[in-house]
PDB file of N, CA and C in Angstrom:
ATOM      1  N   UNK A   1     -12.497   9.259 -13.526  1.00  0.00           N
ATOM      2  CA  UNK A   1     -11.910   9.487 -12.167  1.00  0.00           C
ATOM      3  C   UNK A   1     -11.996  10.626 -10.772  1.00  0.00           C
ATOM      4  N   UNK A   2     -11.182   9.542  -9.789  1.00  0.00           N
ATOM      5  CA  UNK A   2     -11.674  10.766  -8.961  1.00  0.00           C
ATOM      6  C   UNK A   2     -10.331  10.906  -8.134  1.00  0.00           C
ATOM      7  N   UNK A   3     -10.662  12.476  -7.630  1.00  0.00           N
ATOM      8  CA  UNK A   3      -9.872  13.278  -7.305  1.00  0.00           C
ATOM      9  C   UNK A   3      -9.974  13.488  -6.080  1.00  0.00           C
ATOM     10  N   UNK A   4      -9.600  13.034  -4.936  1.00  0.00           N
ATOM     11  CA  UNK A   4      -9.742  13.487  -3.931  1.00  0.00           C
ATOM     12  C   UNK A   4      -8.586  13.375  -2.881  1.00  0.00           C
ATOM     13  N   UNK A   5      -8.079  14.392  -2.466  1.00  0.00           N
ATOM     14  CA  UNK A   5      -6.505  14.676  -1.696  1.00  0.00           C
ATOM     15  C   UNK A   5      -6.948  14.207  -0.060  1.00  0.00           C
ATOM     16  N   UNK A   6      -7.708  14.770   0.042  1.00  0.00           N
ATOM     17  CA  UNK A   6      -8.421  13.804   1.281  1.00  0.00           C
ATOM     18  C   UNK A   6      -8.438  12.292   1.561  1.00  0.00           C
ATOM     19  N   UNK A   7      -8.634  11.713   0.904  1.00  0.00           N
ATOM     20  CA  UNK A   7      -9.287  10.022   0.564  1.00  0.00           C
ATOM     21  C   UNK A   7      -8.019   9.447   0.057  1.00  0.00           C
ATOM     22  N   UNK A   8      -7.124  10.400  -0.423  1.00  0.00           N
ATOM     23  CA  UNK A   8      -5.798  10.140  -1.077  1.00  0.00           C
ATOM     24  C   UNK A   8      -5.036   9.758  -0.236  1.00  0.00           C
ATOM     25  N   UNK A   9      -4.600  10.852   1.205  1.00  0.00           N
ATOM     26  CA  UNK A   9      -4.208  10.687   2.169  1.00  0.00           C
ATOM     27  C   UNK A   9      -4.233   9.594   2.657  1.00  0.00           C
ATOM     28  N   UNK A  10      -5.647   9.297   3.095  1.00  0.00           N
ATOM     29  CA  UNK A  10      -5.863   7.809   4.069  1.00  0.00           C
ATOM     30  C   UNK A  10      -6.330   6.844   3.353  1.00  0.00           C
ATOM     31  N   UNK A  11      -5.616   7.166   2.217  1.00  0.00           N
ATOM     32  CA  UNK A  11      -5.446   5.112   1.536  1.00  0.00           C
ATOM     33  C   UNK A  11      -3.934   5.217   1.570  1.00  0.00           C
ATOM     34  N   UNK A  12      -3.439   6.062   1.053  1.00  0.00           N
ATOM     35  CA  UNK A  12      -1.790   5.948   1.401  1.00  0.00           C
ATOM     36  C   UNK A  12      -1.612   5.738   2.801  1.00  0.00           C
ATOM     37  N   UNK A  13      -1.907   5.956   3.774  1.00  0.00           N
ATOM     38  CA  UNK A  13      -1.656   5.659   5.086  1.00  0.00           C
ATOM     39  C   UNK A  13      -1.759   4.390   4.985  1.00  0.00           C
ATOM     40  N   UNK A  14      -2.770   3.520   4.380  1.00  0.00           N
ATOM     41  CA  UNK A  14      -3.083   2.174   4.025  1.00  0.00           C
ATOM     42  C   UNK A  14      -1.441   1.464   3.675  1.00  0.00           C
ATOM     43  N   UNK A  15      -1.022   1.848   2.709  1.00  0.00           N
ATOM     44  CA  UNK A  15      -0.381   1.501   2.030  1.00  0.00           C
ATOM     45  C   UNK A  15       1.279   1.911   2.890  1.00  0.00           C
ATOM     46  N   UNK A  16       1.851   2.823   3.626  1.00  0.00           N
ATOM     47  CA  UNK A  16       2.477   2.768   4.188  1.00  0.00           C
ATOM     48  C   UNK A  16       2.730   1.986   5.306  1.00  0.00           C
ATOM     49  N   UNK A  17       1.368   1.756   5.835  1.00  0.00           N
ATOM     50  CA  UNK A  17       1.611   0.920   7.569  1.00  0.00           C
ATOM     51  C   UNK A  17       2.709  -0.525   6.514  1.00  0.00           C
ATOM     52  N   UNK A  18       2.231  -0.739   5.539  1.00  0.00           N
ATOM     53  CA  UNK A  18       2.707  -2.314   4.998  1.00  0.00           C
ATOM     54  C   UNK A  18       3.848  -1.887   4.604  1.00  0.00           C
ATOM     55  N   UNK A  19       4.165  -0.861   3.840  1.00  0.00           N
ATOM     56  CA  UNK A  19       5.581  -0.759   3.793  1.00  0.00           C
ATOM     57  C   UNK A  19       6.690  -0.566   4.507  1.00  0.00           C
ATOM     58  N   UNK A  20       6.207   0.006   5.634  1.00  0.00           N
ATOM     59  CA  UNK A  20       6.700   0.161   7.049  1.00  0.00           C
ATOM     60  C   UNK A  20       7.340  -0.868   7.832  1.00  0.00           C
ATOM     61  N   UNK A  21       6.306  -1.883   7.532  1.00  0.00           N
ATOM     62  CA  UNK A  21       6.245  -3.482   7.798  1.00  0.00           C
ATOM     63  C   UNK A  21       7.635  -3.889   7.472  1.00  0.00           C
ATOM     64  N   UNK A  22       7.135  -3.780   6.158  1.00  0.00           N
ATOM     65  CA  UNK A  22       8.403  -4.571   5.108  1.00  0.00           C
ATOM     66  C   UNK A  22       9.738  -3.925   5.083  1.00  0.00           C
ATOM     67  N   UNK A  23      10.089  -2.821   5.472  1.00  0.00           N
ATOM     68  CA  UNK A  23      11.222  -1.858   5.660  1.00  0.00           C
ATOM     69  C   UNK A  23      12.353  -2.610   6.901  1.00  0.00           C
ATOM     70  N   UNK A  24      10.983  -2.600   7.870  1.00  0.00           N
ATOM     71  CA  UNK A  24      11.253  -2.907   9.387  1.00  0.00           C
ATOM     72  C   UNK A  24      11.881  -4.397   9.058  1.00  0.00           C
ATOM     73  N   UNK A  25      11.281  -5.313   8.730  1.00  0.00           N
ATOM     74  CA  UNK A  25      11.734  -6.741   8.563  1.00  0.00           C
ATOM     75  C   UNK A  25      13.052  -6.727   7.467  1.00  0.00           C
ATOM     76  N   UNK A  26      13.298  -5.984   6.621  1.00  0.00           N
ATOM     77  CA  UNK A  26      14.330  -6.007   5.707  1.00  0.00           C
ATOM     78  C   UNK A  26      15.384  -5.358   6.043  1.00  0.00           C
ATOM     79  N   UNK A  27      15.498  -5.035   7.293  1.00  0.00           N
ATOM     80  CA  UNK A  27      17.022  -3.624   7.863  1.00  0.00           C
ATOM     81  C   UNK A  27      17.291  -4.631   8.759  1.00  0.00           C
ATOM     82  N   UNK A  28      16.555  -5.837   9.675  1.00  0.00           N
ATOM     83  CA  UNK A  28      16.814  -6.287  10.198  1.00  0.00           C
ATOM     84  C   UNK A  28      18.115  -7.460  10.272  1.00  0.00           C
ATOM     85  N   UNK A  29      19.105  -7.969  11.090  1.00  0.00           N
ATOM     86  CA  UNK A  29      20.215  -8.931  10.894  1.00  0.00           C
ATOM     87  C   UNK A  29      19.629  -9.949  10.375  1.00  0.00           C
ATOM     88  N   UNK A  30      19.910 -10.696   9.728  1.00  0.00           N
ATOM     89  CA  UNK A  30      19.631 -11.902   8.881  1.00  0.00           C
ATOM     90  C   UNK A  30      18.284 -12.354   8.533  1.00  0.00           C
ATOM     91  N   UNK A  31      17.284 -11.276   8.185  1.00  0.00           N
ATOM     92  CA  UNK A  31      16.197 -11.447   8.045  1.00  0.00           C
ATOM     93  C   UNK A  31      15.899 -10.854   6.536  1.00  0.00           C
ATOM     94  N   UNK A  32      14.554 -10.356   5.707  1.00  0.00           N
ATOM     95  CA  UNK A  32      14.123 -10.812   4.562  1.00  0.00           C
ATOM     96  C   UNK A  32      14.887  -9.645   3.905  1.00  0.00           C
ATOM     97  N   UNK A  33      15.626  -9.802   3.306  1.00  0.00           N
ATOM     98  CA  UNK A  33      16.398  -8.145   2.612  1.00  0.00           C
ATOM     99  C   UNK A  33      15.924  -7.979   1.213  1.00  0.00           C
ATOM    100  N   UNK A  34      15.203  -8.792   0.910  1.00  0.00           N
ATOM    101  CA  UNK A  34      14.566  -9.090  -0.363  1.00  0.00           C
ATOM    102  C   UNK A  34      13.114  -8.711  -0.679  1.00  0.00           C
ATOM    103  N   UNK A  35      12.576  -7.849   0.844  1.00  0.00           N
ATOM    104  CA  UNK A  35      11.626  -6.776   0.838  1.00  0.00           C
ATOM    105  C   UNK A  35      11.638  -5.778   0.601  1.00  0.00           C
ATOM    106  N   UNK A  36      12.860  -5.229   0.526  1.00  0.00           N
ATOM    107  CA  UNK A  36      13.072  -3.814   0.668  1.00  0.00           C
ATOM    108  C   UNK A  36      12.983  -2.960  -0.627  1.00  0.00           C
ATOM    109  N   UNK A  37      13.245  -3.316  -1.686  1.00  0.00           N
ATOM    110  CA  UNK A  37      13.440  -2.652  -3.303  1.00  0.00           C
ATOM    111  C   UNK A  37      11.130  -2.726  -3.724  1.00  0.00           C
ATOM    112  N   UNK A  38      10.790  -3.929  -3.254  1.00  0.00           N
ATOM    113  CA  UNK A  38       8.996  -4.076  -3.763  1.00  0.00           C
ATOM    114  C   UNK A  38       8.538  -3.105  -2.827  1.00  0.00           C
ATOM    115  N   UNK A  39       9.020  -2.994  -1.890  1.00  0.00           N
ATOM    116  CA  UNK A  39       8.238  -2.152  -1.022  1.00  0.00           C
ATOM    117  C   UNK A  39       8.497  -0.360  -1.095  1.00  0.00           C
ATOM    118  N   UNK A  40      10.397  -0.111  -1.194  1.00  0.00           N
ATOM    119  CA  UNK A  40      10.427   1.202  -1.385  1.00  0.00           C
ATOM    120  C   UNK A  40       9.346   2.035  -3.078  1.00  0.00           C
ATOM    121  N   UNK A  41       9.295   0.243  -4.252  1.00  0.00           N
ATOM    122  CA  UNK A  41       8.703   0.618  -5.535  1.00  0.00           C
ATOM    123  C   UNK A  41       7.277   1.288  -5.090  1.00  0.00           C
ATOM    124  N   UNK A  42       6.781   0.484  -4.208  1.00  0.00           N
ATOM    125  CA  UNK A  42       5.075   0.628  -4.052  1.00  0.00           C
ATOM    126  C   UNK A  42       4.600   1.658  -3.610  1.00  0.00           C
ATOM    127  N   UNK A  43       6.022   2.031  -2.505  1.00  0.00           N
ATOM    128  CA  UNK A  43       5.920   3.510  -1.765  1.00  0.00           C
ATOM    129  C   UNK A  43       5.756   4.703  -2.772  1.00  0.00           C
ATOM    130  N   UNK A  44       6.644   4.438  -3.572  1.00  0.00           N
ATOM    131  CA  UNK A  44       6.797   5.792  -4.265  1.00  0.00           C
ATOM    132  C   UNK A  44       6.189   5.819  -5.262  1.00  0.00           C
ATOM    133  N   UNK A  45       5.399   4.832  -6.087  1.00  0.00           N
ATOM    134  CA  UNK A  45       4.747   4.790  -7.072  1.00  0.00           C
ATOM    135  C   UNK A  45       2.780   5.517  -6.090  1.00  0.00           C
ATOM    136  N   UNK A  46       3.064   5.163  -5.207  1.00  0.00           N
ATOM    137  CA  UNK A  46       1.627   5.323  -3.903  1.00  0.00           C
ATOM    138  C   UNK A  46       1.994   6.681  -4.025  1.00  0.00           C
ATOM    139  N   UNK A  47       2.618   7.412  -3.210  1.00  0.00           N
ATOM    140  CA  UNK A  47       2.973   8.840  -3.255  1.00  0.00           C
ATOM    141  C   UNK A  47       2.653   9.696  -4.083  1.00  0.00           C
ATOM    142  N   UNK A  48       3.181   9.314  -5.620  1.00  0.00           N
ATOM    143  CA  UNK A  48       3.329   9.974  -7.156  1.00  0.00           C
ATOM    144  C   UNK A  48       1.420   9.807  -6.948  1.00  0.00           C
ATOM    145  N   UNK A  49       0.955   9.150  -7.245  1.00  0.00           N
ATOM    146  CA  UNK A  49      -0.323   9.097  -6.574  1.00  0.00           C
ATOM    147  C   UNK A  49      -1.549   9.873  -5.825  1.00  0.00           C
ATOM    148  N   UNK A  50      -0.829   9.830  -4.381  1.00  0.00           N
ATOM    149  CA  UNK A  50      -1.479  10.619  -3.888  1.00  0.00           C
ATOM    150  C   UNK A  50      -1.009  12.199  -3.666  1.00  0.00           C
ATOM    151  N   UNK A  51      -0.156  12.655  -4.090  1.00  0.00           N
ATOM    152  CA  UNK A  51       0.173  13.301  -4.526  1.00  0.00           C
ATOM    153  C   UNK A  51      -0.693  14.504  -5.098  1.00  0.00           C
ATOM    154  N   UNK A  52      -1.443  13.649  -6.557  1.00  0.00           N
ATOM    155  CA  UNK A  52      -2.104  14.384  -7.226  1.00  0.00           C
ATOM    156  C   UNK A  52      -3.920  13.984  -6.692  1.00  0.00           C
ATOM    157  N   UNK A  53      -3.675  13.173  -5.985  1.00  0.00           N
ATOM    158  CA  UNK A  53      -5.048  13.129  -5.815  1.00  0.00           C
ATOM    159  C   UNK A  53      -5.464  12.089  -6.283  1.00  0.00           C
ATOM    160  N   UNK A  54      -5.262  11.181  -7.105  1.00  0.00           N
ATOM    161  CA  UNK A  54      -5.536  10.200  -7.716  1.00  0.00           C
ATOM    162  C   UNK A  54      -5.927   9.027  -6.746  1.00  0.00           C
ATOM    163  N   UNK A  55      -7.467   8.639  -6.881  1.00  0.00           N
ATOM    164  CA  UNK A  55      -8.019   7.837  -5.624  1.00  0.00           C
ATOM    165  C   UNK A  55      -7.735   6.949  -6.608  1.00  0.00           C
ATOM    166  N   UNK A  56      -8.303   6.929  -8.023  1.00  0.00           N
ATOM    167  CA  UNK A  56      -8.689   5.797  -8.603  1.00  0.00           C
ATOM    168  C   UNK A  56      -7.318   4.818  -9.193  1.00  0.00           C
ATOM    169  N   UNK A  57      -6.734   5.652  -9.844  1.00  0.00           N
ATOM    170  CA  UNK A  57      -4.833   5.599  -9.838  1.00  0.00           C
ATOM    171  C   UNK A  57      -4.900   4.689  -8.885  1.00  0.00           C
ATOM    172  N   UNK A  58      -4.407   4.962  -7.475  1.00  0.00           N
ATOM    173  CA  UNK A  58      -3.977   4.580  -6.306  1.00  0.00           C
ATOM    174  C   UNK A  58      -5.346   2.788  -6.043  1.00  0.00           C
ATOM    175  N   UNK A  59      -6.170   3.188  -5.856  1.00  0.00           N
ATOM    176  CA  UNK A  59      -6.588   1.671  -6.425  1.00  0.00           C
ATOM    177  C   UNK A  59      -6.182   0.891  -7.290  1.00  0.00           C
ATOM    178  N   UNK A  60      -6.445   1.169  -8.316  1.00  0.00           N
ATOM    179  CA  UNK A  60      -6.023   0.394  -9.506  1.00  0.00           C
ATOM    180  C   UNK A  60      -4.394  -0.197  -9.196  1.00  0.00           C
ATOM    181  N   UNK A  61      -3.365   0.539  -8.734  1.00  0.00           N
ATOM    182  CA  UNK A  61      -2.244  -0.012  -8.078  1.00  0.00           C
ATOM    183  C   UNK A  61      -2.181  -0.839  -7.095  1.00  0.00           C
ATOM    184  N   UNK A  62      -2.996  -0.511  -6.305  1.00  0.00           N
ATOM    185  CA  UNK A  62      -2.849  -1.774  -4.737  1.00  0.00           C
ATOM    186  C   UNK A  62      -3.252  -3.127  -5.784  1.00  0.00           C
ATOM    187  N   UNK A  63      -4.413  -2.937  -6.417  1.00  0.00           N
ATOM    188  CA  UNK A  63      -4.997  -4.064  -7.074  1.00  0.00           C
ATOM    189  C   UNK A  63      -3.656  -5.332  -7.618  1.00  0.00           C
ATOM    190  N   UNK A  64      -2.711  -3.980  -8.446  1.00  0.00           N
ATOM    191  CA  UNK A  64      -1.887  -4.587  -9.451  1.00  0.00           C
ATOM    192  C   UNK A  64      -0.396  -5.209  -8.938  1.00  0.00           C
ATOM    193  N   UNK A  65      -0.404  -4.368  -7.269  1.00  0.00           N
ATOM    194  CA  UNK A  65       0.501  -4.945  -6.345  1.00  0.00           C
ATOM    195  C   UNK A  65       0.062  -6.194  -5.689  1.00  0.00           C
ATOM    196  N   UNK A  66      -1.085  -6.517  -5.473  1.00  0.00           N
ATOM    197  CA  UNK A  66      -1.487  -7.609  -4.926  1.00  0.00           C
ATOM    198  C   UNK A  66      -1.749  -8.501  -5.880  1.00  0.00           C
ATOM    199  N   UNK A  67      -1.638  -8.887  -7.147  1.00  0.00           N
ATOM    200  CA  UNK A  67      -1.590  -9.991  -8.319  1.00  0.00           C
ATOM    201  C   UNK A  67       0.207 -10.178  -8.574  1.00  0.00           C
ATOM    202  N   UNK A  68       0.738  -9.215  -8.462  1.00  0.00           N
ATOM    203  CA  UNK A  68       2.430  -9.421  -8.483  1.00  0.00           C
ATOM    204  C   UNK A  68       3.443 -10.208  -7.209  1.00  0.00           C
ATOM    205  N   UNK A  69       2.642  -9.262  -6.222  1.00  0.00           N
ATOM    206  CA  UNK A  69       3.261  -9.311  -4.846  1.00  0.00           C
ATOM    207  C   UNK A  69       2.957 -10.693  -3.620  1.00  0.00           C
ATOM    208  N   UNK A  70       2.455 -11.625  -4.506  1.00  0.00           N
ATOM    209  CA  UNK A  70       2.031 -12.862  -3.314  1.00  0.00           C
ATOM    210  C   UNK A  70       3.603 -13.667  -2.860  1.00  0.00           C
ATOM    211  N   UNK A  71       4.757 -13.580  -2.973  1.00  0.00           N
ATOM    212  CA  UNK A  71       5.815 -13.758  -2.309  1.00  0.00           C
ATOM    213  C   UNK A  71       6.216 -13.021  -0.877  1.00  0.00           C
ATOM    214  N   UNK A  72       6.107 -11.321  -1.176  1.00  0.00           N
ATOM    215  CA  UNK A  72       6.074 -10.242  -0.734  1.00  0.00           C
ATOM    216  C   UNK A  72       4.924 -10.690   0.598  1.00  0.00           C
ATOM    217  N   UNK A  73       3.552 -10.861   0.205  1.00  0.00           N
ATOM    218  CA  UNK A  73       2.676 -10.456   1.313  1.00  0.00           C
ATOM    219  C   UNK A  73       2.871 -12.233   2.165  1.00  0.00           C
ATOM    220  N   UNK A  74       3.179 -13.494   1.731  1.00  0.00           N
ATOM    221  CA  UNK A  74       3.694 -14.368   2.042  1.00  0.00           C
ATOM    222  C   UNK A  74       4.827 -14.337   3.165  1.00  0.00           C
ATOM    223  N   UNK A  75       5.546 -13.451   2.685  1.00  0.00           N
ATOM    224  CA  UNK A  75       6.550 -13.191   3.653  1.00  0.00           C
ATOM    225  C   UNK A  75       6.334 -12.276   5.269  1.00  0.00           C
ATOM    226  N   UNK A  76       5.373 -11.099   4.672  1.00  0.00           N
ATOM    227  CA  UNK A  76       4.959 -10.470   6.083  1.00  0.00           C
ATOM    228  C   UNK A  76       4.334 -11.463   6.549  1.00  0.00           C
ATOM    229  N   UNK A  77       3.017 -11.773   6.120  1.00  0.00           N
ATOM    230  CA  UNK A  77       2.058 -12.549   7.349  1.00  0.00           C
ATOM    231  C   UNK A  77       2.918 -13.905   7.573  1.00  0.00           C
ATOM    232  N   UNK A  78       3.821 -14.322   6.816  1.00  0.00           N
ATOM    233  CA  UNK A  78       4.586 -14.816   8.094  1.00  0.00           C
ATOM    234  C   UNK A  78       5.071 -14.938   9.313  1.00  0.00           C
ATOM    235  N   UNK A  79       5.592 -13.356   9.685  1.00  0.00           N
ATOM    236  CA  UNK A  79       6.613 -12.772  10.238  1.00  0.00           C
ATOM    237  C   UNK A  79       4.782 -11.951  11.228  1.00  0.00           C
ATOM    238  N   UNK A  80       3.684 -12.406  10.942  1.00  0.00           N
ATOM    239  CA  UNK A  80       2.713 -11.757  11.708  1.00  0.00           C
ATOM    240  C   UNK A  80       2.685 -10.139  11.359  1.00  0.00           C
ATOM    241  N   UNK A  81       3.301  -9.678  10.326  1.00  0.00           N
ATOM    242  CA  UNK A  81       3.074  -8.320  10.067  1.00  0.00           C
ATOM    243  C   UNK A  81       1.713  -7.767   8.956  1.00  0.00           C
ATOM    244  N   UNK A  82       1.001  -6.424   8.886  1.00  0.00           N
ATOM    245  CA  UNK A  82       0.598  -6.226   7.895  1.00  0.00           C
ATOM    246  C   UNK A  82       0.388  -6.269   6.595  1.00  0.00           C
ATOM    247  N   UNK A  83      -0.076  -7.116   5.242  1.00  0.00           N
ATOM    248  CA  UNK A  83       0.502  -7.131   4.469  1.00  0.00           C
ATOM    249  C   UNK A  83      -0.196  -6.692   3.375  1.00  0.00           C
ATOM    250  N   UNK A  84       0.054  -6.427   1.987  1.00  0.00           N
ATOM    251  CA  UNK A  84      -1.096  -5.488   1.026  1.00  0.00           C
ATOM    252  C   UNK A  84      -2.757  -6.188   1.146  1.00  0.00           C
ATOM    253  N   UNK A  85      -2.094  -7.794   1.024  1.00  0.00           N
ATOM    254  CA  UNK A  85      -3.644  -9.233   1.405  1.00  0.00           C
ATOM    255  C   UNK A  85      -4.538  -8.501   2.327  1.00  0.00           C
ATOM    256  N   UNK A  86      -3.742  -8.416   3.688  1.00  0.00           N
ATOM    257  CA  UNK A  86      -4.492  -8.515   4.902  1.00  0.00           C
ATOM    258  C   UNK A  86      -5.188  -6.816   4.911  1.00  0.00           C
ATOM    259  N   UNK A  87      -4.094  -6.186   4.518  1.00  0.00           N
ATOM    260  CA  UNK A  87      -4.945  -4.673   4.415  1.00  0.00           C
ATOM    261  C   UNK A  87      -5.759  -4.483   3.075  1.00  0.00           C
ATOM    262  N   UNK A  88      -6.087  -4.952   2.057  1.00  0.00           N
ATOM    263  CA  UNK A  88      -7.318  -4.610   0.951  1.00  0.00           C
ATOM    264  C   UNK A  88      -8.565  -4.404   1.411  1.00  0.00           C
ATOM    265  N   UNK A  89      -9.055  -4.699   2.552  1.00  0.00           N
ATOM    266  CA  UNK A  89     -10.386  -4.233   2.893  1.00  0.00           C
ATOM    267  C   UNK A  89     -10.433  -3.093   3.479  1.00  0.00           C
ATOM    268  N   UNK A  90      -9.602  -2.462   4.075  1.00  0.00           N
ATOM    269  CA  UNK A  90      -9.116  -1.502   4.895  1.00  0.00           C
ATOM    270  C   UNK A  90      -9.234  -0.472   4.177  1.00  0.00           C
ATOM    271  N   UNK A  91      -8.549  -0.658   2.702  1.00  0.00           N
ATOM    272  CA  UNK A  91      -8.493   0.279   1.620  1.00  0.00           C
ATOM    273  C   UNK A  91      -9.001   0.088   0.566  1.00  0.00           C
ATOM    274  N   UNK A  92     -10.009  -0.623   0.332  1.00  0.00           N
ATOM    275  CA  UNK A  92     -11.332  -0.717  -0.584  1.00  0.00           C
ATOM    276  C   UNK A  92     -12.520   0.282   0.165  1.00  0.00           C
ATOM    277  N   UNK A  93     -12.590   0.426   1.748  1.00  0.00           N
ATOM    278  CA  UNK A  93     -13.551   0.323   2.451  1.00  0.00           C
ATOM    279  C   UNK A  93     -13.308   1.968   2.384  1.00  0.00           C
ATOM    280  N   UNK A  94     -12.207   2.441   2.325  1.00  0.00           N
ATOM    281  CA  UNK A  94     -11.542   4.146   2.027  1.00  0.00           C
ATOM    282  C   UNK A  94     -12.301   4.743   0.759  1.00  0.00           C
ATOM    283  N   UNK A  95     -11.738   3.962  -0.433  1.00  0.00           N
ATOM    284  CA  UNK A  95     -12.222   3.844  -1.671  1.00  0.00           C
ATOM    285  C   UNK A  95     -13.443   4.381  -2.080  1.00  0.00           C
ATOM    286  N   UNK A  96     -14.329   2.791  -1.488  1.00  0.00           N
ATOM    287  CA  UNK A  96     -15.896   3.228  -1.854  1.00  0.00           C
ATOM    288  C   UNK A  96     -16.638   4.532  -0.846  1.00  0.00           C
ATOM    289  N   UNK A  97     -15.865   4.981   0.155  1.00  0.00           N
ATOM    290  CA  UNK A  97     -16.690   5.828   0.783  1.00  0.00           C
ATOM    291  C   UNK A  97     -16.911   7.088   0.197  1.00  0.00           C
ATOM    292  N   UNK A  98     -18.551   7.876   0.258  1.00  0.00           N
ATOM    293  CA  UNK A  98     -18.589   8.873  -0.350  1.00  0.00           C
ATOM    294  C   UNK A  98     -17.321  10.301  -0.051  1.00  0.00           C
ATOM    295  N   UNK A  99     -16.932  10.734  -1.351  1.00  0.00           N
ATOM    296  CA  UNK A  99     -16.230  11.713  -1.312  1.00  0.00           C
ATOM    297  C   UNK A  99     -16.736  13.381  -1.010  1.00  0.00           C
ATOM    298  N   UNK A 100     -15.499  14.088  -1.386  1.00  0.00           N
ATOM    299  CA  UNK A 100     -15.907  15.610  -0.908  1.00  0.00           C
ATOM    300  C   UNK A 100     -16.778  15.772  -1.820  1.00  0.00           C
ATOM    301  N   UNK A 101     -17.748  16.938  -1.583  1.00  0.00           N
ATOM    302  CA  UNK A 101     -18.480  17.576  -3.248  1.00  0.00           C
ATOM    303  C   UNK A 101     -18.278  19.131  -3.113  1.00  0.00           C
ATOM    304  N   UNK A 102     -17.858  19.387  -4.676  1.00  0.00           N
ATOM    305  CA  UNK A 102     -17.264  20.848  -4.257  1.00  0.00           C
ATOM    306  C   UNK A 102     -18.022  21.509  -4.543  1.00  0.00           C
TER     307      UNK A 102
END
């Protein structure tokens, strides 16, 4: 397991960018209200892992979100917003960076 709070905070920023776009779309009149609950669940899970600095857990949770959220991502991409799919390589790049040495 890799524990690195700095890296975890940067990975959380990627997730927050996606969930922010989803929550923005879900609150507009006549838009996609179904995005709200999955976005909030994803944000809650990732915040808990980031608080511990669990980088491996965050990566695996992100991959799980990719496998279950195809309609979630499709809706965001239809509105030209960031999605978990479009931001995967950004998160993966952070995950692969060497961490701090104690």
